[in-house]
PDB file of N, CA and C in Angstrom:
ATOM      1  N   MET A   1       0.834  -1.164   0.000  1.00  0.00           N
ATOM      2  CA  MET A   1       0.000   0.000   0.000  1.00  0.00           C
ATOM      3  C   MET A   1       0.890   1.242   0.000  1.00  0.00           C
ATOM      4  N   THR A   2       0.454   2.309  -0.704  1.00  0.00           N
ATOM      5  CA  THR A   2       1.249   3.538  -0.778  1.00  0.00           C
ATOM      6  C   THR A   2       0.660   4.595   0.118  1.00  0.00           C
ATOM      7  N   THR A   3       1.533   5.489   0.545  1.00  0.00           N
ATOM      8  CA  THR A   3       1.087   6.597   1.388  1.00  0.00           C
ATOM      9  C   THR A   3       1.298   7.900   0.627  1.00  0.00           C
ATOM     10  N   PRO A   4       0.509   8.910   0.899  1.00  0.00           N
ATOM     11  CA  PRO A   4       0.692  10.195   0.207  1.00  0.00           C
ATOM     12  C   PRO A   4       2.052  10.787   0.536  1.00  0.00           C
ATOM     13  N   SER A   5       2.607  11.480  -0.450  1.00  0.00           N
ATOM     14  CA  SER A   5       3.921  12.093  -0.266  1.00  0.00           C
ATOM     15  C   SER A   5       3.777  13.440   0.430  1.00  0.00           C
ATOM     16  N   ASP A   6       4.665  13.701   1.375  1.00  0.00           N
ATOM     17  CA  ASP A   6       4.673  15.016   2.026  1.00  0.00           C
ATOM     18  C   ASP A   6       5.721  15.929   1.408  1.00  0.00           C
ATOM     19  N   GLY A   7       6.325  15.491   0.292  1.00  0.00           N
ATOM     20  CA  GLY A   7       7.296  16.314  -0.407  1.00  0.00           C
ATOM     21  C   GLY A   7       8.702  16.169   0.107  1.00  0.00           C
ATOM     22  N   THR A   8       8.941  15.255   1.033  1.00  0.00           N
ATOM     23  CA  THR A   8      10.284  15.133   1.584  1.00  0.00           C
ATOM     24  C   THR A   8      10.895  13.762   1.379  1.00  0.00           C
ATOM     25  N   ASP A   9      10.140  12.817   0.861  1.00  0.00           N
ATOM     26  CA  ASP A   9      10.680  11.463   0.779  1.00  0.00           C
ATOM     27  C   ASP A   9      11.208  11.087  -0.597  1.00  0.00           C
ATOM     28  N   GLY A  10      11.232  12.004  -1.536  1.00  0.00           N
ATOM     29  CA  GLY A  10      11.808  11.738  -2.838  1.00  0.00           C
ATOM     30  C   GLY A  10      10.900  10.969  -3.773  1.00  0.00           C
ATOM     31  N   THR A  11       9.665  10.755  -3.421  1.00  0.00           N
ATOM     32  CA  THR A  11       8.749  10.031  -4.291  1.00  0.00           C
ATOM     33  C   THR A  11       8.348  10.911  -5.463  1.00  0.00           C
ATOM     34  N   PRO A  12       7.880  10.293  -6.535  1.00  0.00           N
ATOM     35  CA  PRO A  12       7.447  11.095  -7.681  1.00  0.00           C
ATOM     36  C   PRO A  12       6.411  12.128  -7.251  1.00  0.00           C
ATOM     37  N   GLY A  13       6.558  13.311  -7.779  1.00  0.00           N
ATOM     38  CA  GLY A  13       5.651  14.389  -7.432  1.00  0.00           C
ATOM     39  C   GLY A  13       6.162  15.246  -6.283  1.00  0.00           C
ATOM     40  N   ALA A  14       7.177  14.780  -5.593  1.00  0.00           N
ATOM     41  CA  ALA A  14       7.728  15.563  -4.496  1.00  0.00           C
ATOM     42  C   ALA A  14       8.646  16.638  -5.062  1.00  0.00           C
ATOM     43  N   ALA A  15       8.583  17.823  -4.512  1.00  0.00           N
ATOM     44  CA  ALA A  15       9.415  18.925  -4.975  1.00  0.00           C
ATOM     45  C   ALA A  15      10.743  18.895  -4.251  1.00  0.00           C
ATOM     46  N   SER A  16      11.819  18.741  -5.018  1.00  0.00           N
ATOM     47  CA  SER A  16      13.144  18.753  -4.403  1.00  0.00           C
ATOM     48  C   SER A  16      13.667  20.187  -4.382  1.00  0.00           C
ATOM     49  N   PRO A  17      14.592  20.469  -3.496  1.00  0.00           N
ATOM     50  CA  PRO A  17      15.167  21.819  -3.455  1.00  0.00           C
ATOM     51  C   PRO A  17      15.817  22.200  -4.780  1.00  0.00           C
ATOM     52  N   ASP A  18      16.442  21.237  -5.465  1.00  0.00           N
ATOM     53  CA  ASP A  18      17.076  21.519  -6.756  1.00  0.00           C
ATOM     54  C   ASP A  18      16.037  21.899  -7.806  1.00  0.00           C
ATOM     55  N   ALA A  19      14.915  21.198  -7.823  1.00  0.00           N
ATOM     56  CA  ALA A  19      13.856  21.490  -8.790  1.00  0.00           C
ATOM     57  C   ALA A  19      13.247  22.864  -8.505  1.00  0.00           C
ATOM     58  N   ALA A  20      13.041  23.179  -7.245  1.00  0.00           N
ATOM     59  CA  ALA A  20      12.486  24.476  -6.879  1.00  0.00           C
ATOM     60  C   ALA A  20      13.439  25.597  -7.282  1.00  0.00           C
ATOM     61  N   ARG A  21      14.743  25.398  -7.060  1.00  0.00           N
ATOM     62  CA  ARG A  21      15.742  26.394  -7.428  1.00  0.00           C
ATOM     63  C   ARG A  21      15.788  26.559  -8.947  1.00  0.00           C
ATOM     64  N   ALA A  22      15.746  25.461  -9.670  1.00  0.00           N
ATOM     65  CA  ALA A  22      15.772  25.522 -11.134  1.00  0.00           C
ATOM     66  C   ALA A  22      14.534  26.244 -11.663  1.00  0.00           C
ATOM     67  N   THR A  23      13.402  25.976 -11.051  1.00  0.00           N
ATOM     68  CA  THR A  23      12.170  26.642 -11.461  1.00  0.00           C
ATOM     69  C   THR A  23      12.265  28.141 -11.214  1.00  0.00           C
ATOM     70  N   GLU A  24      12.767  28.526 -10.067  1.00  0.00           N
ATOM     71  CA  GLU A  24      12.916  29.949  -9.745  1.00  0.00           C
ATOM     72  C   GLU A  24      13.920  30.625 -10.675  1.00  0.00           C
ATOM     73  N   GLU A  25      15.015  29.957 -10.992  1.00  0.00           N
ATOM     74  CA  GLU A  25      16.005  30.522 -11.909  1.00  0.00           C
ATOM     75  C   GLU A  25      15.409  30.709 -13.302  1.00  0.00           C
ATOM     76  N   THR A  26      14.631  29.735 -13.736  1.00  0.00           N
ATOM     77  CA  THR A  26      13.969  29.836 -15.042  1.00  0.00           C
ATOM     78  C   THR A  26      12.979  30.990 -15.049  1.00  0.00           C
ATOM     79  N   ALA A  27      12.205  31.110 -13.999  1.00  0.00           N
ATOM     80  CA  ALA A  27      11.242  32.211 -13.898  1.00  0.00           C
ATOM     81  C   ALA A  27      11.965  33.555 -13.915  1.00  0.00           C
ATOM     82  N   GLN A  28      13.089  33.640 -13.237  1.00  0.00           N
ATOM     83  CA  GLN A  28      13.865  34.878 -13.209  1.00  0.00           C
ATOM     84  C   GLN A  28      14.397  35.217 -14.603  1.00  0.00           C
ATOM     85  N   ARG A  29      14.893  34.219 -15.328  1.00  0.00           N
ATOM     86  CA  ARG A  29      15.376  34.460 -16.693  1.00  0.00           C
ATOM     87  C   ARG A  29      14.235  34.925 -17.597  1.00  0.00           C
ATOM     88  N   ILE A  30      13.073  34.341 -17.434  1.00  0.00           N
ATOM     89  CA  ILE A  30      11.912  34.743 -18.234  1.00  0.00           C
ATOM     90  C   ILE A  30      11.532  36.188 -17.913  1.00  0.00           C
ATOM     91  N   ARG A  31      11.551  36.550 -16.626  1.00  0.00           N
ATOM     92  CA  ARG A  31      11.258  37.937 -16.243  1.00  0.00           C
ATOM     93  C   ARG A  31      12.266  38.907 -16.865  1.00  0.00           C
ATOM     94  N   GLN A  32      13.551  38.546 -16.816  1.00  0.00           N
ATOM     95  CA  GLN A  32      14.581  39.407 -17.385  1.00  0.00           C
ATOM     96  C   GLN A  32      14.409  39.564 -18.899  1.00  0.00           C
ATOM     97  N   MET A  33      14.116  38.449 -19.565  1.00  0.00           N
ATOM     98  CA  MET A  33      13.901  38.511 -21.010  1.00  0.00           C
ATOM     99  C   MET A  33      12.682  39.358 -21.348  1.00  0.00           C
ATOM    100  N   THR A  34      11.632  39.240 -20.568  1.00  0.00           N
ATOM    101  CA  THR A  34      10.424  40.028 -20.793  1.00  0.00           C
ATOM    102  C   THR A  34      10.702  41.511 -20.590  1.00  0.00           C
ATOM    103  N   GLU A  35      11.419  41.848 -19.528  1.00  0.00           N
ATOM    104  CA  GLU A  35      11.770  43.239 -19.278  1.00  0.00           C
ATOM    105  C   GLU A  35      12.632  43.801 -20.408  1.00  0.00           C
ATOM    106  N   GLN A  36      13.567  42.998 -20.917  1.00  0.00           N
ATOM    107  CA  GLN A  36      14.420  43.438 -22.022  1.00  0.00           C
ATOM    108  C   GLN A  36      13.592  43.622 -23.294  1.00  0.00           C
ATOM    109  N   LEU A  37      12.661  42.725 -23.528  1.00  0.00           N
ATOM    110  CA  LEU A  37      11.781  42.834 -24.694  1.00  0.00           C
ATOM    111  C   LEU A  37      10.948  44.115 -24.619  1.00  0.00           C
ATOM    112  N   ILE A  38      10.417  44.415 -23.452  1.00  0.00           N
ATOM    113  CA  ILE A  38       9.623  45.632 -23.268  1.00  0.00           C
ATOM    114  C   ILE A  38      10.494  46.868 -23.486  1.00  0.00           C
ATOM    115  N   ALA A  39      11.687  46.875 -22.926  1.00  0.00           N
ATOM    116  CA  ALA A  39      12.583  48.024 -23.093  1.00  0.00           C
ATOM    117  C   ALA A  39      12.956  48.218 -24.563  1.00  0.00           C
ATOM    118  N   ASN A  40      13.261  47.125 -25.260  1.00  0.00           N
ATOM    119  CA  ASN A  40      13.609  47.221 -26.678  1.00  0.00           C
ATOM    120  C   ASN A  40      12.415  47.695 -27.505  1.00  0.00           C
ATOM    121  N   SER A  41      11.234  47.247 -27.160  1.00  0.00           N
ATOM    122  CA  SER A  41      10.026  47.664 -27.875  1.00  0.00           C
ATOM    123  C   SER A  41       9.773  49.154 -27.681  1.00  0.00           C
ATOM    124  N   LYS A  42      10.000  49.643 -26.465  1.00  0.00           N
ATOM    125  CA  LYS A  42       9.837  51.073 -26.207  1.00  0.00           C
ATOM    126  C   LYS A  42      10.833  51.889 -27.021  1.00  0.00           C
ATOM    127  N   GLN A  43      12.083  51.426 -27.067  1.00  0.00           N
ATOM    128  CA  GLN A  43      13.098  52.135 -27.850  1.00  0.00           C
ATOM    129  C   GLN A  43      12.723  52.146 -29.326  1.00  0.00           C
ATOM    130  N   ALA A  44      12.243  51.020 -29.836  1.00  0.00           N
ATOM    131  CA  ALA A  44      11.833  50.950 -31.239  1.00  0.00           C
ATOM    132  C   ALA A  44      10.642  51.870 -31.491  1.00  0.00           C
ATOM    133  N   GLY A  45       9.721  51.924 -30.556  1.00  0.00           N
ATOM    134  CA  GLY A  45       8.573  52.814 -30.699  1.00  0.00           C
ATOM    135  C   GLY A  45       8.985  54.270 -30.756  1.00  0.00           C
ATOM    136  N   ILE A  46       9.908  54.658 -29.894  1.00  0.00           N
ATOM    137  CA  ILE A  46      10.397  56.035 -29.884  1.00  0.00           C
ATOM    138  C   ILE A  46      11.136  56.349 -31.183  1.00  0.00           C
ATOM    139  N   ALA A  47      11.937  55.394 -31.669  1.00  0.00           N
ATOM    140  CA  ALA A  47      12.644  55.591 -32.941  1.00  0.00           C
ATOM    141  C   ALA A  47      11.647  55.742 -34.089  1.00  0.00           C
ATOM    142  N   ASN A  48      10.575  54.966 -34.069  1.00  0.00           N
ATOM    143  CA  ASN A  48       9.547  55.084 -35.107  1.00  0.00           C
ATOM    144  C   ASN A  48       8.858  56.440 -35.037  1.00  0.00           C
ATOM    145  N   LEU A  49       8.566  56.913 -33.829  1.00  0.00           N
ATOM    146  CA  LEU A  49       7.960  58.241 -33.687  1.00  0.00           C
ATOM    147  C   LEU A  49       8.884  59.333 -34.222  1.00  0.00           C
ATOM    148  N   ASP A  50      10.171  59.221 -33.906  1.00  0.00           N
ATOM    149  CA  ASP A  50      11.140  60.203 -34.410  1.00  0.00           C
ATOM    150  C   ASP A  50      11.160  60.202 -35.938  1.00  0.00           C
ATOM    151  N   ALA A  51      11.192  59.016 -36.533  1.00  0.00           N
ATOM    152  CA  ALA A  51      11.212  58.904 -37.996  1.00  0.00           C
ATOM    153  C   ALA A  51       9.922  59.455 -38.595  1.00  0.00           C
ATOM    154  N   TYR A  52       8.801  59.170 -37.964  1.00  0.00           N
ATOM    155  CA  TYR A  52       7.514  59.689 -38.434  1.00  0.00           C
ATOM    156  C   TYR A  52       7.507  61.209 -38.419  1.00  0.00           C
ATOM    157  N   GLU A  53       7.964  61.801 -37.315  1.00  0.00           N
ATOM    158  CA  GLU A  53       7.982  63.251 -37.198  1.00  0.00           C
ATOM    159  C   GLU A  53       8.878  63.889 -38.260  1.00  0.00           C
ATOM    160  N   LYS A  54      10.039  63.280 -38.493  1.00  0.00           N
ATOM    161  CA  LYS A  54      10.959  63.826 -39.495  1.00  0.00           C
ATOM    162  C   LYS A  54      10.376  63.731 -40.901  1.00  0.00           C
ATOM    163  N   SER A  55       9.802  62.581 -41.233  1.00  0.00           N
ATOM    164  CA  SER A  55       9.253  62.431 -42.579  1.00  0.00           C
ATOM    165  C   SER A  55       8.040  63.335 -42.777  1.00  0.00           C
ATOM    166  N   LEU A  56       7.207  63.482 -41.759  1.00  0.00           N
ATOM    167  CA  LEU A  56       6.056  64.377 -41.863  1.00  0.00           C
ATOM    168  C   LEU A  56       6.509  65.819 -42.045  1.00  0.00           C
ATOM    169  N   ALA A  57       7.518  66.229 -41.289  1.00  0.00           N
ATOM    170  CA  ALA A  57       8.034  67.598 -41.417  1.00  0.00           C
ATOM    171  C   ALA A  57       8.572  67.844 -42.828  1.00  0.00           C
ATOM    172  N   SER A  58       9.274  66.864 -43.374  1.00  0.00           N
ATOM    173  CA  SER A  58       9.802  67.007 -44.738  1.00  0.00           C
ATOM    174  C   SER A  58       8.677  67.106 -45.762  1.00  0.00           C
ATOM    175  N   MET A  59       7.666  66.272 -45.606  1.00  0.00           N
ATOM    176  CA  MET A  59       6.546  66.282 -46.528  1.00  0.00           C
ATOM    177  C   MET A  59       5.803  67.622 -46.469  1.00  0.00           C
ATOM    178  N   LEU A  60       5.568  68.118 -45.264  1.00  0.00           N
ATOM    179  CA  LEU A  60       4.848  69.390 -45.126  1.00  0.00           C
ATOM    180  C   LEU A  60       5.674  70.560 -45.654  1.00  0.00           C
ATOM    181  N   GLU A  61       6.972  70.504 -45.428  1.00  0.00           N
ATOM    182  CA  GLU A  61       7.853  71.552 -45.942  1.00  0.00           C
ATOM    183  C   GLU A  61       7.805  71.572 -47.473  1.00  0.00           C
ATOM    184  N   MET A  62       7.848  70.394 -48.079  1.00  0.00           N
ATOM    185  CA  MET A  62       7.783  70.318 -49.538  1.00  0.00           C
ATOM    186  C   MET A  62       6.436  70.843 -50.044  1.00  0.00           C
ATOM    187  N   SER A  63       5.373  70.512 -49.344  1.00  0.00           N
ATOM    188  CA  SER A  63       4.043  70.984 -49.723  1.00  0.00           C
ATOM    189  C   SER A  63       3.969  72.507 -49.672  1.00  0.00           C
ATOM    190  N   GLU A  64       4.518  73.085 -48.620  1.00  0.00           N
ATOM    191  CA  GLU A  64       4.508  74.549 -48.490  1.00  0.00           C
ATOM    192  C   GLU A  64       5.374  75.205 -49.566  1.00  0.00           C
ATOM    193  N   ARG A  65       6.539  74.641 -49.852  1.00  0.00           N
ATOM    194  CA  ARG A  65       7.408  75.207 -50.896  1.00  0.00           C
ATOM    195  C   ARG A  65       6.745  75.127 -52.267  1.00  0.00           C
ATOM    196  N   THR A  66       6.084  74.003 -52.519  1.00  0.00           N
ATOM    197  CA  THR A  66       5.399  73.834 -53.797  1.00  0.00           C
ATOM    198  C   THR A  66       4.271  74.845 -53.936  1.00  0.00           C
ATOM    199  N   ALA A  67       3.510  75.020 -52.861  1.00  0.00           N
ATOM    200  CA  ALA A  67       2.415  75.994 -52.896  1.00  0.00           C
ATOM    201  C   ALA A  67       2.958  77.406 -53.076  1.00  0.00           C
ATOM    202  N   GLY A  68       4.065  77.707 -52.431  1.00  0.00           N
ATOM    203  CA  GLY A  68       4.674  79.027 -52.561  1.00  0.00           C
ATOM    204  C   GLY A  68       5.180  79.278 -53.975  1.00  0.00           C
ATOM    205  N   ALA A  69       5.595  78.229 -54.648  1.00  0.00           N
ATOM    206  CA  ALA A  69       6.125  78.361 -56.004  1.00  0.00           C
ATOM    207  C   ALA A  69       5.034  78.657 -57.027  1.00  0.00           C
ATOM    208  N   THR A  70       3.783  78.442 -56.669  1.00  0.00           N
ATOM    209  CA  THR A  70       2.704  78.728 -57.621  1.00  0.00           C
ATOM    210  C   THR A  70       2.534  80.211 -57.846  1.00  0.00           C
ATOM    211  N   GLY A  71       2.957  81.004 -56.888  1.00  0.00           N
ATOM    212  CA  GLY A  71       2.804  82.444 -57.008  1.00  0.00           C
ATOM    213  C   GLY A  71       1.401  82.923 -56.660  1.00  0.00           C
ATOM    214  N   LEU A  72       0.554  82.008 -56.260  1.00  0.00           N
ATOM    215  CA  LEU A  72      -0.808  82.371 -55.869  1.00  0.00           C
ATOM    216  C   LEU A  72      -0.870  82.471 -54.353  1.00  0.00           C
ATOM    217  N   GLU A  73      -1.189  83.642 -53.873  1.00  0.00           N
ATOM    218  CA  GLU A  73      -1.184  83.885 -52.437  1.00  0.00           C
ATOM    219  C   GLU A  73      -2.163  82.979 -51.690  1.00  0.00           C
ATOM    220  N   TRP A  74      -3.349  82.766 -52.254  1.00  0.00           N
ATOM    221  CA  TRP A  74      -4.357  81.953 -51.575  1.00  0.00           C
ATOM    222  C   TRP A  74      -3.927  80.494 -51.484  1.00  0.00           C
ATOM    223  N   VAL A  75      -3.220  79.990 -52.490  1.00  0.00           N
ATOM    224  CA  VAL A  75      -2.730  78.608 -52.460  1.00  0.00           C
ATOM    225  C   VAL A  75      -1.657  78.477 -51.382  1.00  0.00           C
ATOM    226  N   ASP A  76      -0.785  79.471 -51.331  1.00  0.00           N
ATOM    227  CA  ASP A  76       0.272  79.481 -50.312  1.00  0.00           C
ATOM    228  C   ASP A  76      -0.341  79.533 -48.912  1.00  0.00           C
ATOM    229  N   ALA A  77      -1.331  80.387 -48.702  1.00  0.00           N
ATOM    230  CA  ALA A  77      -1.983  80.511 -47.397  1.00  0.00           C
ATOM    231  C   ALA A  77      -2.701  79.224 -47.017  1.00  0.00           C
ATOM    232  N   LEU A  78      -3.365  78.609 -47.986  1.00  0.00           N
ATOM    233  CA  LEU A  78      -4.073  77.352 -47.728  1.00  0.00           C
ATOM    234  C   LEU A  78      -3.094  76.235 -47.364  1.00  0.00           C
ATOM    235  N   ALA A  79      -2.009  76.129 -48.110  1.00  0.00           N
ATOM    236  CA  ALA A  79      -1.002  75.091 -47.829  1.00  0.00           C
ATOM    237  C   ALA A  79      -0.355  75.315 -46.464  1.00  0.00           C
ATOM    238  N   THR A  80      -0.097  76.557 -46.129  1.00  0.00           N
ATOM    239  CA  THR A  80       0.494  76.869 -44.824  1.00  0.00           C
ATOM    240  C   THR A  80      -0.467  76.519 -43.694  1.00  0.00           C
ATOM    241  N   ALA A  81      -1.732  76.881 -43.856  1.00  0.00           N
ATOM    242  CA  ALA A  81      -2.730  76.556 -42.829  1.00  0.00           C
ATOM    243  C   ALA A  81      -2.884  75.046 -42.677  1.00  0.00           C
ATOM    244  N   HIS A  82      -2.910  74.356 -43.793  1.00  0.00           N
ATOM    245  CA  HIS A  82      -3.024  72.887 -43.747  1.00  0.00           C
ATOM    246  C   HIS A  82      -1.818  72.281 -43.042  1.00  0.00           C
ATOM    247  N   ALA A  83      -0.641  72.744 -43.385  1.00  0.00           N
ATOM    248  CA  ALA A  83       0.585  72.222 -42.770  1.00  0.00           C
ATOM    249  C   ALA A  83       0.580  72.446 -41.261  1.00  0.00           C
ATOM    250  N   ARG A  84       0.157  73.626 -40.830  1.00  0.00           N
ATOM    251  CA  ARG A  84       0.111  73.909 -39.386  1.00  0.00           C
ATOM    252  C   ARG A  84      -0.897  73.003 -38.685  1.00  0.00           C
ATOM    253  N   TRP A  85      -2.047  72.801 -39.315  1.00  0.00           N
ATOM    254  CA  TRP A  85      -3.068  71.936 -38.722  1.00  0.00           C
ATOM    255  C   TRP A  85      -2.544  70.500 -38.588  1.00  0.00           C
ATOM    256  N   VAL A  86      -1.925  69.992 -39.640  1.00  0.00           N
ATOM    257  CA  VAL A  86      -1.381  68.628 -39.601  1.00  0.00           C
ATOM    258  C   VAL A  86      -0.289  68.536 -38.535  1.00  0.00           C
ATOM    259  N   GLN A  87       0.562  69.540 -38.437  1.00  0.00           N
ATOM    260  CA  GLN A  87       1.617  69.534 -37.419  1.00  0.00           C
ATOM    261  C   GLN A  87       1.022  69.524 -36.010  1.00  0.00           C
ATOM    262  N   ASP A  88      -0.001  70.323 -35.778  1.00  0.00           N
ATOM    263  CA  ASP A  88      -0.618  70.380 -34.449  1.00  0.00           C
ATOM    264  C   ASP A  88      -1.263  69.047 -34.065  1.00  0.00           C
ATOM    265  N   VAL A  89      -2.006  68.477 -34.995  1.00  0.00           N
ATOM    266  CA  VAL A  89      -2.656  67.186 -34.728  1.00  0.00           C
ATOM    267  C   VAL A  89      -1.599  66.098 -34.533  1.00  0.00           C
ATOM    268  N   SER A  90      -0.597  66.112 -35.377  1.00  0.00           N
ATOM    269  CA  SER A  90       0.467  65.115 -35.275  1.00  0.00           C
ATOM    270  C   SER A  90       1.234  65.253 -33.961  1.00  0.00           C
ATOM    271  N   LYS A  91       1.488  66.483 -33.550  1.00  0.00           N
ATOM    272  CA  LYS A  91       2.206  66.695 -32.283  1.00  0.00           C
ATOM    273  C   LYS A  91       1.414  66.135 -31.109  1.00  0.00           C
ATOM    274  N   ALA A  92       0.103  66.368 -31.106  1.00  0.00           N
ATOM    275  CA  ALA A  92      -0.730  65.821 -30.027  1.00  0.00           C
ATOM    276  C   ALA A  92      -0.649  64.292 -30.014  1.00  0.00           C
ATOM    277  N   TYR A  93      -0.713  63.685 -31.178  1.00  0.00           N
ATOM    278  CA  TYR A  93      -0.638  62.223 -31.298  1.00  0.00           C
ATOM    279  C   TYR A  93       0.724  61.701 -30.843  1.00  0.00           C
ATOM    280  N   THR A  94       1.790  62.281 -31.367  1.00  0.00           N
ATOM    281  CA  THR A  94       3.118  61.769 -31.025  1.00  0.00           C
ATOM    282  C   THR A  94       3.473  62.042 -29.563  1.00  0.00           C
ATOM    283  N   ASP A  95       3.024  63.172 -29.022  1.00  0.00           N
ATOM    284  CA  ASP A  95       3.268  63.442 -27.600  1.00  0.00           C
ATOM    285  C   ASP A  95       2.566  62.403 -26.725  1.00  0.00           C
ATOM    286  N   ALA A  96       1.330  62.060 -27.084  1.00  0.00           N
ATOM    287  CA  ALA A  96       0.593  61.045 -26.317  1.00  0.00           C
ATOM    288  C   ALA A  96       1.269  59.686 -26.440  1.00  0.00           C
ATOM    289  N   ALA A  97       1.696  59.348 -27.636  1.00  0.00           N
ATOM    290  CA  ALA A  97       2.378  58.061 -27.837  1.00  0.00           C
ATOM    291  C   ALA A  97       3.704  58.024 -27.086  1.00  0.00           C
ATOM    292  N   ARG A  98       4.430  59.115 -27.129  1.00  0.00           N
ATOM    293  CA  ARG A  98       5.714  59.186 -26.416  1.00  0.00           C
ATOM    294  C   ARG A  98       5.512  59.046 -24.911  1.00  0.00           C
ATOM    295  N   THR A  99       4.454  59.649 -24.389  1.00  0.00           N
ATOM    296  CA  THR A  99       4.135  59.539 -22.958  1.00  0.00           C
ATOM    297  C   THR A  99       3.862  58.080 -22.589  1.00  0.00           C
ATOM    298  N   MET A 100       3.160  57.395 -23.448  1.00  0.00           N
ATOM    299  CA  MET A 100       2.856  55.985 -23.179  1.00  0.00           C
ATOM    300  C   MET A 100       4.112  55.117 -23.211  1.00  0.00           C
ATOM    301  N   LEU A 101       5.104  55.518 -24.000  1.00  0.00           N
ATOM    302  CA  LEU A 101       6.314  54.712 -24.136  1.00  0.00           C
ATOM    303  C   LEU A 101       7.342  54.993 -23.054  1.00  0.00           C
ATOM    304  N   THR A 102       7.160  56.063 -22.295  1.00  0.00           N
ATOM    305  CA  THR A 102       8.151  56.380 -21.262  1.00  0.00           C
ATOM    306  C   THR A 102       7.604  56.061 -19.890  1.00  0.00           C
TER     307      THR A 102
END
């Protein structure tokens, strides 16, 4: 007849100190890897925001220069107003995203 294990007699299902230590070490490595993954993801997100801001600024600058080259004051004013509006909306978006990443 068998008796229930109290975890100290080495029977199957009993937790040995070595197994508990190995489990804790594995859990710690998983935590470290997860933290590193999160940190790397945040850095990538910030880099993407920086690239987005730069490309948007270049696009808007080109739009304003093109409108200015038409020689039509109303086209230039419209392009400038549009560029400012897009910059303001984009800044609100990127600032919120940056806050979430830090």
